[in-house]
């Protein structure tokens, strides 16, 4: 796997310390790239005026993490204690997004 499971955060909360039963990861294509943008929604109140800044996965240096595909992101989340439940897609005029619902392993 390309990502280590050390010190990644969402909205300054370490992934392994997110205290919820379910989360949603949202994947969208990146302009001029084969990689995907991945955001996490666990019902958090964001610390930023821009909601998007509070949903990105950050690495140990505070940079947005990049994933090769949604499967790369799913494997990363599995390594951080989450299990896949189901997925769905939504299309609007501009974007197509893939939503994965994950459950935290207890």
PDB file of N, CA and C in Angstrom:
ATOM      1  N   UNK A   1       0.851  -1.172   0.000  1.00  0.00           N
ATOM      2  CA  UNK A   1       0.000   0.000   0.000  1.00  0.00           C
ATOM      3  C   UNK A   1       0.900   1.239   0.000  1.00  0.00           C
ATOM      4  N   UNK A   2       0.483   2.263  -0.703  1.00  0.00           N
ATOM      5  CA  UNK A   2       1.294   3.460  -0.872  1.00  0.00           C
ATOM      6  C   UNK A   2       1.279   4.387   0.332  1.00  0.00           C
ATOM      7  N   UNK A   3       0.319   4.239   1.236  1.00  0.00           N
ATOM      8  CA  UNK A   3       0.169   5.162   2.352  1.00  0.00           C
ATOM      9  C   UNK A   3       0.424   4.450   3.666  1.00  0.00           C
ATOM     10  N   UNK A   4       1.199   5.085   4.533  1.00  0.00           N
ATOM     11  CA  UNK A   4       1.335   4.521   5.876  1.00  0.00           C
ATOM     12  C   UNK A   4       0.143   4.979   6.702  1.00  0.00           C
ATOM     13  N   UNK A   5      -0.153   4.246   7.744  1.00  0.00           N
ATOM     14  CA  UNK A   5      -1.310   4.582   8.587  1.00  0.00           C
ATOM     15  C   UNK A   5      -0.853   5.341   9.822  1.00  0.00           C
ATOM     16  N   UNK A   6       0.002   6.342   9.650  1.00  0.00           N
ATOM     17  CA  UNK A   6       0.549   7.071  10.783  1.00  0.00           C
ATOM     18  C   UNK A   6       0.173   8.541  10.697  1.00  0.00           C
ATOM     19  N   UNK A   7      -0.529   9.031  11.683  1.00  0.00           N
ATOM     20  CA  UNK A   7      -0.782  10.462  11.895  1.00  0.00           C
ATOM     21  C   UNK A   7      -1.663  11.145  10.855  1.00  0.00           C
ATOM     22  N   UNK A   8      -2.457  10.406  10.094  1.00  0.00           N
ATOM     23  CA  UNK A   8      -3.367  11.055   9.169  1.00  0.00           C
ATOM     24  C   UNK A   8      -4.562  11.595   9.946  1.00  0.00           C
ATOM     25  N   UNK A   9      -5.038  12.762   9.514  1.00  0.00           N
ATOM     26  CA  UNK A   9      -6.128  13.428  10.227  1.00  0.00           C
ATOM     27  C   UNK A   9      -7.198  13.917   9.255  1.00  0.00           C
ATOM     28  N   UNK A  10      -8.382  14.155   9.799  1.00  0.00           N
ATOM     29  CA  UNK A  10      -9.465  14.839   9.098  1.00  0.00           C
ATOM     30  C   UNK A  10      -9.985  15.879  10.072  1.00  0.00           C
ATOM     31  N   UNK A  11      -9.914  17.154   9.669  1.00  0.00           N
ATOM     32  CA  UNK A  11     -10.369  18.246  10.531  1.00  0.00           C
ATOM     33  C   UNK A  11      -9.638  18.214  11.875  1.00  0.00           C
ATOM     34  N   UNK A  12      -8.354  17.899  11.827  1.00  0.00           N
ATOM     35  CA  UNK A  12      -7.450  17.808  12.986  1.00  0.00           C
ATOM     36  C   UNK A  12      -7.756  16.639  13.920  1.00  0.00           C
ATOM     37  N   UNK A  13      -8.592  15.705  13.517  1.00  0.00           N
ATOM     38  CA  UNK A  13      -8.888  14.516  14.320  1.00  0.00           C
ATOM     39  C   UNK A  13      -8.150  13.334  13.693  1.00  0.00           C
ATOM     40  N   UNK A  14      -7.269  12.651  14.444  1.00  0.00           N
ATOM     41  CA  UNK A  14      -6.602  11.465  13.886  1.00  0.00           C
ATOM     42  C   UNK A  14      -7.635  10.428  13.444  1.00  0.00           C
ATOM     43  N   UNK A  15      -7.416   9.830  12.276  1.00  0.00           N
ATOM     44  CA  UNK A  15      -8.378   8.863  11.737  1.00  0.00           C
ATOM     45  C   UNK A  15      -8.741   7.782  12.742  1.00  0.00           C
ATOM     46  N   UNK A  16      -7.756   7.264  13.438  1.00  0.00           N
ATOM     47  CA  UNK A  16      -8.017   6.162  14.373  1.00  0.00           C
ATOM     48  C   UNK A  16      -8.780   6.616  15.614  1.00  0.00           C
ATOM     49  N   UNK A  17      -8.913   7.932  15.814  1.00  0.00           N
ATOM     50  CA  UNK A  17      -9.633   8.448  16.981  1.00  0.00           C
ATOM     51  C   UNK A  17     -11.028   8.976  16.642  1.00  0.00           C
ATOM     52  N   UNK A  18     -11.447   8.846  15.391  1.00  0.00           N
ATOM     53  CA  UNK A  18     -12.794   9.273  15.018  1.00  0.00           C
ATOM     54  C   UNK A  18     -13.773   8.374  15.758  1.00  0.00           C
ATOM     55  N   UNK A  19     -14.591   8.976  16.612  1.00  0.00           N
ATOM     56  CA  UNK A  19     -15.457   8.218  17.513  1.00  0.00           C
ATOM     57  C   UNK A  19     -16.897   8.179  16.997  1.00  0.00           C
ATOM     58  N   UNK A  20     -17.093   7.467  15.892  1.00  0.00           N
ATOM     59  CA  UNK A  20     -18.421   7.279  15.311  1.00  0.00           C
ATOM     60  C   UNK A  20     -18.528   5.840  14.819  1.00  0.00           C
ATOM     61  N   UNK A  21     -19.743   5.404  14.559  1.00  0.00           N
ATOM     62  CA  UNK A  21     -19.933   4.056  14.025  1.00  0.00           C
ATOM     63  C   UNK A  21     -19.754   4.008  12.511  1.00  0.00           C
ATOM     64  N   UNK A  22     -20.213   5.058  11.806  1.00  0.00           N
ATOM     65  CA  UNK A  22     -20.176   5.067  10.345  1.00  0.00           C
ATOM     66  C   UNK A  22     -19.557   6.357   9.824  1.00  0.00           C
ATOM     67  N   UNK A  23     -18.888   6.229   8.682  1.00  0.00           N
ATOM     68  CA  UNK A  23     -18.381   7.393   7.962  1.00  0.00           C
ATOM     69  C   UNK A  23     -18.707   7.214   6.488  1.00  0.00           C
ATOM     70  N   UNK A  24     -18.591   8.305   5.761  1.00  0.00           N
ATOM     71  CA  UNK A  24     -18.777   8.277   4.315  1.00  0.00           C
ATOM     72  C   UNK A  24     -17.520   8.835   3.680  1.00  0.00           C
ATOM     73  N   UNK A  25     -16.966   8.125   2.702  1.00  0.00           N
ATOM     74  CA  UNK A  25     -15.873   8.708   1.934  1.00  0.00           C
ATOM     75  C   UNK A  25     -16.412   9.018   0.547  1.00  0.00           C
ATOM     76  N   UNK A  26     -16.027  10.184   0.042  1.00  0.00           N
ATOM     77  CA  UNK A  26     -16.537  10.676  -1.228  1.00  0.00           C
ATOM     78  C   UNK A  26     -15.362  10.848  -2.170  1.00  0.00           C
ATOM     79  N   UNK A  27     -15.435  10.215  -3.320  1.00  0.00           N
ATOM     80  CA  UNK A  27     -14.365  10.317  -4.305  1.00  0.00           C
ATOM     81  C   UNK A  27     -14.828  11.043  -5.544  1.00  0.00           C
ATOM     82  N   UNK A  28     -14.016  12.009  -5.982  1.00  0.00           N
ATOM     83  CA  UNK A  28     -14.282  12.738  -7.218  1.00  0.00           C
ATOM     84  C   UNK A  28     -13.002  12.781  -8.033  1.00  0.00           C
ATOM     85  N   UNK A  29     -13.147  12.873  -9.348  1.00  0.00           N
ATOM     86  CA  UNK A  29     -11.985  12.945 -10.226  1.00  0.00           C
ATOM     87  C   UNK A  29     -11.232  14.246 -10.050  1.00  0.00           C
ATOM     88  N   UNK A  30      -9.948  14.186 -10.332  1.00  0.00           N
ATOM     89  CA  UNK A  30      -9.108  15.388 -10.279  1.00  0.00           C
ATOM     90  C   UNK A  30      -8.876  15.878 -11.700  1.00  0.00           C
ATOM     91  N   UNK A  31      -8.938  17.172 -11.891  1.00  0.00           N
ATOM     92  CA  UNK A  31      -8.725  17.754 -13.202  1.00  0.00           C
ATOM     93  C   UNK A  31      -7.326  17.428 -13.702  1.00  0.00           C
ATOM     94  N   UNK A  32      -7.248  16.958 -14.925  1.00  0.00           N
ATOM     95  CA  UNK A  32      -5.983  16.626 -15.585  1.00  0.00           C
ATOM     96  C   UNK A  32      -5.135  15.634 -14.793  1.00  0.00           C
ATOM     97  N   UNK A  33      -5.772  14.678 -14.143  1.00  0.00           N
ATOM     98  CA  UNK A  33      -5.051  13.695 -13.342  1.00  0.00           C
ATOM     99  C   UNK A  33      -5.815  12.379 -13.345  1.00  0.00           C
ATOM    100  N   UNK A  34      -5.083  11.296 -13.142  1.00  0.00           N
ATOM    101  CA  UNK A  34      -5.728   9.989 -13.009  1.00  0.00           C
ATOM    102  C   UNK A  34      -6.047   9.681 -11.552  1.00  0.00           C
ATOM    103  N   UNK A  35      -5.594  10.516 -10.638  1.00  0.00           N
ATOM    104  CA  UNK A  35      -5.835  10.304  -9.209  1.00  0.00           C
ATOM    105  C   UNK A  35      -7.224  10.823  -8.823  1.00  0.00           C
ATOM    106  N   UNK A  36      -7.664  10.505  -7.596  1.00  0.00           N
ATOM    107  CA  UNK A  36      -8.973  10.963  -7.129  1.00  0.00           C
ATOM    108  C   UNK A  36      -8.836  11.812  -5.874  1.00  0.00           C
ATOM    109  N   UNK A  37      -9.733  12.774  -5.739  1.00  0.00           N
ATOM    110  CA  UNK A  37      -9.871  13.522  -4.490  1.00  0.00           C
ATOM    111  C   UNK A  37     -10.774  12.706  -3.583  1.00  0.00           C
ATOM    112  N   UNK A  38     -10.394  12.570  -2.331  1.00  0.00           N
ATOM    113  CA  UNK A  38     -11.198  11.818  -1.375  1.00  0.00           C
ATOM    114  C   UNK A  38     -11.464  12.700  -0.169  1.00  0.00           C
ATOM    115  N   UNK A  39     -12.732  12.800   0.192  1.00  0.00           N
ATOM    116  CA  UNK A  39     -13.142  13.538   1.385  1.00  0.00           C
ATOM    117  C   UNK A  39     -13.844  12.577   2.328  1.00  0.00           C
ATOM    118  N   UNK A  40     -13.835  12.908   3.606  1.00  0.00           N
ATOM    119  CA  UNK A  40     -14.499  12.082   4.611  1.00  0.00           C
ATOM    120  C   UNK A  40     -15.548  12.914   5.330  1.00  0.00           C
ATOM    121  N   UNK A  41     -16.717  12.329   5.470  1.00  0.00           N
ATOM    122  CA  UNK A  41     -17.789  12.944   6.253  1.00  0.00           C
ATOM    123  C   UNK A  41     -18.143  11.984   7.377  1.00  0.00           C
ATOM    124  N   UNK A  42     -17.871  12.420   8.615  1.00  0.00           N
ATOM    125  CA  UNK A  42     -18.286  11.616   9.766  1.00  0.00           C
ATOM    126  C   UNK A  42     -19.209  12.431  10.666  1.00  0.00           C
ATOM    127  N   UNK A  43     -19.828  13.476  10.072  1.00  0.00           N
ATOM    128  CA  UNK A  43     -20.738  14.330  10.826  1.00  0.00           C
ATOM    129  C   UNK A  43     -20.024  15.434  11.566  1.00  0.00           C
ATOM    130  N   UNK A  44     -18.770  15.658  11.214  1.00  0.00           N
ATOM    131  CA  UNK A  44     -17.957  16.635  11.923  1.00  0.00           C
ATOM    132  C   UNK A  44     -18.388  18.066  11.643  1.00  0.00           C
ATOM    133  N   UNK A  45     -18.189  18.899  12.642  1.00  0.00           N
ATOM    134  CA  UNK A  45     -18.307  20.339  12.452  1.00  0.00           C
ATOM    135  C   UNK A  45     -16.936  20.771  11.980  1.00  0.00           C
ATOM    136  N   UNK A  46     -16.881  21.456  10.848  1.00  0.00           N
ATOM    137  CA  UNK A  46     -15.577  21.829  10.312  1.00  0.00           C
ATOM    138  C   UNK A  46     -15.045  23.072  10.998  1.00  0.00           C
ATOM    139  N   UNK A  47     -13.716  23.152  11.059  1.00  0.00           N
ATOM    140  CA  UNK A  47     -13.049  24.288  11.699  1.00  0.00           C
ATOM    141  C   UNK A  47     -12.759  25.394  10.702  1.00  0.00           C
ATOM    142  N   UNK A  48     -13.171  25.186   9.468  1.00  0.00           N
ATOM    143  CA  UNK A  48     -12.863  26.121   8.405  1.00  0.00           C
ATOM    144  C   UNK A  48     -14.151  26.695   7.824  1.00  0.00           C
ATOM    145  N   UNK A  49     -14.057  27.901   7.284  1.00  0.00           N
ATOM    146  CA  UNK A  49     -15.197  28.502   6.601  1.00  0.00           C
ATOM    147  C   UNK A  49     -15.565  27.643   5.391  1.00  0.00           C
ATOM    148  N   UNK A  50     -14.553  27.088   4.737  1.00  0.00           N
ATOM    149  CA  UNK A  50     -14.786  26.194   3.605  1.00  0.00           C
ATOM    150  C   UNK A  50     -14.980  24.780   4.121  1.00  0.00           C
ATOM    151  N   UNK A  51     -16.189  24.228   3.962  1.00  0.00           N
ATOM    152  CA  UNK A  51     -16.489  22.872   4.436  1.00  0.00           C
ATOM    153  C   UNK A  51     -15.470  21.875   3.903  1.00  0.00           C
ATOM    154  N   UNK A  52     -15.062  22.053   2.649  1.00  0.00           N
ATOM    155  CA  UNK A  52     -14.152  21.097   2.016  1.00  0.00           C
ATOM    156  C   UNK A  52     -12.842  20.970   2.783  1.00  0.00           C
ATOM    157  N   UNK A  53     -12.329  22.059   3.337  1.00  0.00           N
ATOM    158  CA  UNK A  53     -11.069  21.988   4.080  1.00  0.00           C
ATOM    159  C   UNK A  53     -11.180  21.117   5.319  1.00  0.00           C
ATOM    160  N   UNK A  54     -12.371  20.957   5.865  1.00  0.00           N
ATOM    161  CA  UNK A  54     -12.557  20.139   7.051  1.00  0.00           C
ATOM    162  C   UNK A  54     -12.856  18.689   6.752  1.00  0.00           C
ATOM    163  N   UNK A  55     -12.867  18.321   5.465  1.00  0.00           N
ATOM    164  CA  UNK A  55     -13.194  16.947   5.091  1.00  0.00           C
ATOM    165  C   UNK A  55     -12.056  16.216   4.402  1.00  0.00           C
ATOM    166  N   UNK A  56     -10.996  16.914   4.073  1.00  0.00           N
ATOM    167  CA  UNK A  56      -9.860  16.281   3.404  1.00  0.00           C
ATOM    168  C   UNK A  56      -9.017  15.486   4.387  1.00  0.00           C
ATOM    169  N   UNK A  57      -8.445  14.387   3.907  1.00  0.00           N
ATOM    170  CA  UNK A  57      -7.520  13.594   4.717  1.00  0.00           C
ATOM    171  C   UNK A  57      -6.149  14.237   4.586  1.00  0.00           C
ATOM    172  N   UNK A  58      -5.553  14.565   5.716  1.00  0.00           N
ATOM    173  CA  UNK A  58      -4.233  15.203   5.731  1.00  0.00           C
ATOM    174  C   UNK A  58      -3.173  14.200   6.172  1.00  0.00           C
ATOM    175  N   UNK A  59      -1.972  14.338   5.616  1.00  0.00           N
ATOM    176  CA  UNK A  59      -0.871  13.480   6.052  1.00  0.00           C
ATOM    177  C   UNK A  59      -0.218  14.086   7.293  1.00  0.00           C
ATOM    178  N   UNK A  60       0.854  13.457   7.760  1.00  0.00           N
ATOM    179  CA  UNK A  60       1.515  13.914   8.986  1.00  0.00           C
ATOM    180  C   UNK A  60       2.118  15.311   8.864  1.00  0.00           C
ATOM    181  N   UNK A  61       2.272  15.815   7.626  1.00  0.00           N
ATOM    182  CA  UNK A  61       2.793  17.168   7.417  1.00  0.00           C
ATOM    183  C   UNK A  61       1.676  18.175   7.150  1.00  0.00           C
ATOM    184  N   UNK A  62       0.419  17.733   7.241  1.00  0.00           N
ATOM    185  CA  UNK A  62      -0.709  18.634   7.039  1.00  0.00           C
ATOM    186  C   UNK A  62      -1.108  18.843   5.594  1.00  0.00           C
ATOM    187  N   UNK A  63      -0.554  18.040   4.683  1.00  0.00           N
ATOM    188  CA  UNK A  63      -0.892  18.161   3.261  1.00  0.00           C
ATOM    189  C   UNK A  63      -2.039  17.215   2.914  1.00  0.00           C
ATOM    190  N   UNK A  64      -2.869  17.626   1.945  1.00  0.00           N
ATOM    191  CA  UNK A  64      -3.948  16.752   1.480  1.00  0.00           C
ATOM    192  C   UNK A  64      -3.354  15.484   0.893  1.00  0.00           C
ATOM    193  N   UNK A  65      -3.882  14.338   1.311  1.00  0.00           N
ATOM    194  CA  UNK A  65      -3.409  13.070   0.769  1.00  0.00           C
ATOM    195  C   UNK A  65      -3.997  12.861  -0.616  1.00  0.00           C
ATOM    196  N   UNK A  66      -3.230  12.172  -1.462  1.00  0.00           N
ATOM    197  CA  UNK A  66      -3.668  11.850  -2.815  1.00  0.00           C
ATOM    198  C   UNK A  66      -3.798  10.339  -2.920  1.00  0.00           C
ATOM    199  N   UNK A  67      -4.836   9.887  -3.605  1.00  0.00           N
ATOM    200  CA  UNK A  67      -5.084   8.463  -3.781  1.00  0.00           C
ATOM    201  C   UNK A  67      -5.116   8.129  -5.263  1.00  0.00           C
ATOM    202  N   UNK A  68      -4.570   6.959  -5.615  1.00  0.00           N
ATOM    203  CA  UNK A  68      -4.544   6.524  -7.010  1.00  0.00           C
ATOM    204  C   UNK A  68      -5.934   6.178  -7.531  1.00  0.00           C
ATOM    205  N   UNK A  69      -6.796   5.708  -6.648  1.00  0.00           N
ATOM    206  CA  UNK A  69      -8.142   5.288  -7.035  1.00  0.00           C
ATOM    207  C   UNK A  69      -8.987   5.185  -5.768  1.00  0.00           C
ATOM    208  N   UNK A  70     -10.273   4.936  -5.943  1.00  0.00           N
ATOM    209  CA  UNK A  70     -11.127   4.724  -4.774  1.00  0.00           C
ATOM    210  C   UNK A  70     -10.746   3.436  -4.057  1.00  0.00           C
ATOM    211  N   UNK A  71     -10.251   2.440  -4.786  1.00  0.00           N
ATOM    212  CA  UNK A  71      -9.814   1.205  -4.139  1.00  0.00           C
ATOM    213  C   UNK A  71      -8.591   1.480  -3.266  1.00  0.00           C
ATOM    214  N   UNK A  72      -7.707   2.351  -3.706  1.00  0.00           N
ATOM    215  CA  UNK A  72      -6.559   2.766  -2.899  1.00  0.00           C
ATOM    216  C   UNK A  72      -7.055   3.418  -1.607  1.00  0.00           C
ATOM    217  N   UNK A  73      -8.051   4.293  -1.719  1.00  0.00           N
ATOM    218  CA  UNK A  73      -8.614   4.958  -0.535  1.00  0.00           C
ATOM    219  C   UNK A  73      -9.306   3.952   0.382  1.00  0.00           C
ATOM    220  N   UNK A  74     -10.025   2.998  -0.198  1.00  0.00           N
ATOM    221  CA  UNK A  74     -10.717   1.988   0.600  1.00  0.00           C
ATOM    222  C   UNK A  74      -9.720   1.116   1.359  1.00  0.00           C
ATOM    223  N   UNK A  75      -8.635   0.712   0.702  1.00  0.00           N
ATOM    224  CA  UNK A  75      -7.596  -0.064   1.387  1.00  0.00           C
ATOM    225  C   UNK A  75      -6.943   0.749   2.499  1.00  0.00           C
ATOM    226  N   UNK A  76      -6.737   2.033   2.252  1.00  0.00           N
ATOM    227  CA  UNK A  76      -6.182   2.919   3.273  1.00  0.00           C
ATOM    228  C   UNK A  76      -7.106   2.993   4.486  1.00  0.00           C
ATOM    229  N   UNK A  77      -8.402   3.161   4.242  1.00  0.00           N
ATOM    230  CA  UNK A  77      -9.356   3.244   5.349  1.00  0.00           C
ATOM    231  C   UNK A  77      -9.466   1.911   6.085  1.00  0.00           C
ATOM    232  N   UNK A  78      -9.355   0.804   5.380  1.00  0.00           N
ATOM    233  CA  UNK A  78      -9.357  -0.514   6.019  1.00  0.00           C
ATOM    234  C   UNK A  78      -8.173  -0.640   6.973  1.00  0.00           C
ATOM    235  N   UNK A  79      -7.010  -0.157   6.549  1.00  0.00           N
ATOM    236  CA  UNK A  79      -5.815  -0.188   7.404  1.00  0.00           C
ATOM    237  C   UNK A  79      -5.981   0.702   8.631  1.00  0.00           C
ATOM    238  N   UNK A  80      -6.924   1.645   8.566  1.00  0.00           N
ATOM    239  CA  UNK A  80      -7.185   2.547   9.686  1.00  0.00           C
ATOM    240  C   UNK A  80      -8.418   2.148  10.486  1.00  0.00           C
ATOM    241  N   UNK A  81      -8.875   0.907  10.313  1.00  0.00           N
ATOM    242  CA  UNK A  81      -9.916   0.385  11.183  1.00  0.00           C
ATOM    243  C   UNK A  81     -11.347   0.517  10.705  1.00  0.00           C
ATOM    244  N   UNK A  82     -11.573   0.656   9.395  1.00  0.00           N
ATOM    245  CA  UNK A  82     -12.923   0.784   8.859  1.00  0.00           C
ATOM    246  C   UNK A  82     -13.213  -0.326   7.861  1.00  0.00           C
ATOM    247  N   UNK A  83     -14.464  -0.772   7.831  1.00  0.00           N
ATOM    248  CA  UNK A  83     -14.901  -1.828   6.914  1.00  0.00           C
ATOM    249  C   UNK A  83     -15.951  -1.292   5.952  1.00  0.00           C
ATOM    250  N   UNK A  84     -15.839  -1.718   4.703  1.00  0.00           N
ATOM    251  CA  UNK A  84     -16.785  -1.330   3.657  1.00  0.00           C
ATOM    252  C   UNK A  84     -18.172  -1.891   3.951  1.00  0.00           C
ATOM    253  N   UNK A  85     -19.211  -1.060   3.747  1.00  0.00           N
ATOM    254  CA  UNK A  85     -20.598  -1.493   3.897  1.00  0.00           C
ATOM    255  C   UNK A  85     -21.315  -1.500   2.544  1.00  0.00           C
ATOM    256  N   UNK A  86     -21.344  -0.351   1.868  1.00  0.00           N
ATOM    257  CA  UNK A  86     -21.930  -0.278   0.525  1.00  0.00           C
ATOM    258  C   UNK A  86     -21.483   1.007  -0.157  1.00  0.00           C
ATOM    259  N   UNK A  87     -21.750   1.088  -1.467  1.00  0.00           N
ATOM    260  CA  UNK A  87     -21.342   2.251  -2.256  1.00  0.00           C
ATOM    261  C   UNK A  87     -22.474   2.658  -3.191  1.00  0.00           C
ATOM    262  N   UNK A  88     -22.454   3.931  -3.578  1.00  0.00           N
ATOM    263  CA  UNK A  88     -23.396   4.433  -4.574  1.00  0.00           C
ATOM    264  C   UNK A  88     -22.749   5.599  -5.302  1.00  0.00           C
ATOM    265  N   UNK A  89     -23.294   5.957  -6.456  1.00  0.00           N
ATOM    266  CA  UNK A  89     -22.773   7.084  -7.227  1.00  0.00           C
ATOM    267  C   UNK A  89     -23.857   8.137  -7.381  1.00  0.00           C
ATOM    268  N   UNK A  90     -23.396   9.363  -7.582  1.00  0.00           N
ATOM    269  CA  UNK A  90     -24.305  10.475  -7.878  1.00  0.00           C
ATOM    270  C   UNK A  90     -23.665  11.298  -8.984  1.00  0.00           C
ATOM    271  N   UNK A  91     -24.464  11.698  -9.930  1.00  0.00           N
ATOM    272  CA  UNK A  91     -23.998  12.539 -11.025  1.00  0.00           C
ATOM    273  C   UNK A  91     -24.742  13.857 -10.996  1.00  0.00           C
ATOM    274  N   UNK A  92     -24.006  14.926 -11.224  1.00  0.00           N
ATOM    275  CA  UNK A  92     -24.670  16.198 -11.478  1.00  0.00           C
ATOM    276  C   UNK A  92     -24.133  16.715 -12.804  1.00  0.00           C
ATOM    277  N   UNK A  93     -24.452  17.929 -13.149  1.00  0.00           N
ATOM    278  CA  UNK A  93     -24.058  18.456 -14.453  1.00  0.00           C
ATOM    279  C   UNK A  93     -22.548  18.531 -14.629  1.00  0.00           C
ATOM    280  N   UNK A  94     -21.813  18.713 -13.555  1.00  0.00           N
ATOM    281  CA  UNK A  94     -20.366  18.900 -13.650  1.00  0.00           C
ATOM    282  C   UNK A  94     -19.564  17.673 -13.243  1.00  0.00           C
ATOM    283  N   UNK A  95     -19.989  17.001 -12.201  1.00  0.00           N
ATOM    284  CA  UNK A  95     -19.162  15.959 -11.609  1.00  0.00           C
ATOM    285  C   UNK A  95     -19.907  14.654 -11.414  1.00  0.00           C
ATOM    286  N   UNK A  96     -19.116  13.612 -11.318  1.00  0.00           N
ATOM    287  CA  UNK A  96     -19.615  12.307 -10.894  1.00  0.00           C
ATOM    288  C   UNK A  96     -18.875  11.994  -9.597  1.00  0.00           C
ATOM    289  N   UNK A  97     -19.611  11.608  -8.585  1.00  0.00           N
ATOM    290  CA  UNK A  97     -18.986  11.293  -7.301  1.00  0.00           C
ATOM    291  C   UNK A  97     -19.362   9.874  -6.891  1.00  0.00           C
ATOM    292  N   UNK A  98     -18.410   9.207  -6.242  1.00  0.00           N
ATOM    293  CA  UNK A  98     -18.634   7.874  -5.701  1.00  0.00           C
ATOM    294  C   UNK A  98     -18.631   8.000  -4.185  1.00  0.00           C
ATOM    295  N   UNK A  99     -19.649   7.436  -3.545  1.00  0.00           N
ATOM    296  CA  UNK A  99     -19.795   7.499  -2.094  1.00  0.00           C
ATOM    297  C   UNK A  99     -19.657   6.092  -1.532  1.00  0.00           C
ATOM    298  N   UNK A 100     -18.771   5.931  -0.569  1.00  0.00           N
ATOM    299  CA  UNK A 100     -18.619   4.646   0.117  1.00  0.00           C
ATOM    300  C   UNK A 100     -19.024   4.846   1.568  1.00  0.00           C
ATOM    301  N   UNK A 101     -19.865   3.971   2.074  1.00  0.00           N
ATOM    302  CA  UNK A 101     -20.239   3.987   3.482  1.00  0.00           C
ATOM    303  C   UNK A 101     -19.387   2.930   4.176  1.00  0.00           C
ATOM    304  N   UNK A 102     -18.700   3.345   5.234  1.00  0.00           N
ATOM    305  CA  UNK A 102     -17.810   2.458   5.978  1.00  0.00           C
ATOM    306  C   UNK A 102     -18.243   2.397   7.430  1.00  0.00           C
ATOM    307  N   UNK A 103     -17.971   1.289   8.061  1.00  0.00           N
ATOM    308  CA  UNK A 103     -18.274   1.107   9.480  1.00  0.00           C
ATOM    309  C   UNK A 103     -16.968   0.939  10.234  1.00  0.00           C
ATOM    310  N   UNK A 104     -16.887   1.617  11.386  1.00  0.00           N
ATOM    311  CA  UNK A 104     -15.684   1.497  12.210  1.00  0.00           C
ATOM    312  C   UNK A 104     -15.675   0.136  12.889  1.00  0.00           C
ATOM    313  N   UNK A 105     -14.536  -0.544  12.790  1.00  0.00           N
ATOM    314  CA  UNK A 105     -14.373  -1.837  13.458  1.00  0.00           C
ATOM    315  C   UNK A 105     -14.248  -1.603  14.951  1.00  0.00           C
ATOM    316  N   UNK A 106     -14.915  -2.393  15.730  1.00  0.00           N
ATOM    317  CA  UNK A 106     -14.864  -2.238  17.197  1.00  0.00           C
ATOM    318  C   UNK A 106     -13.932  -3.254  17.801  1.00  0.00           C
TER     319      UNK A 106
END
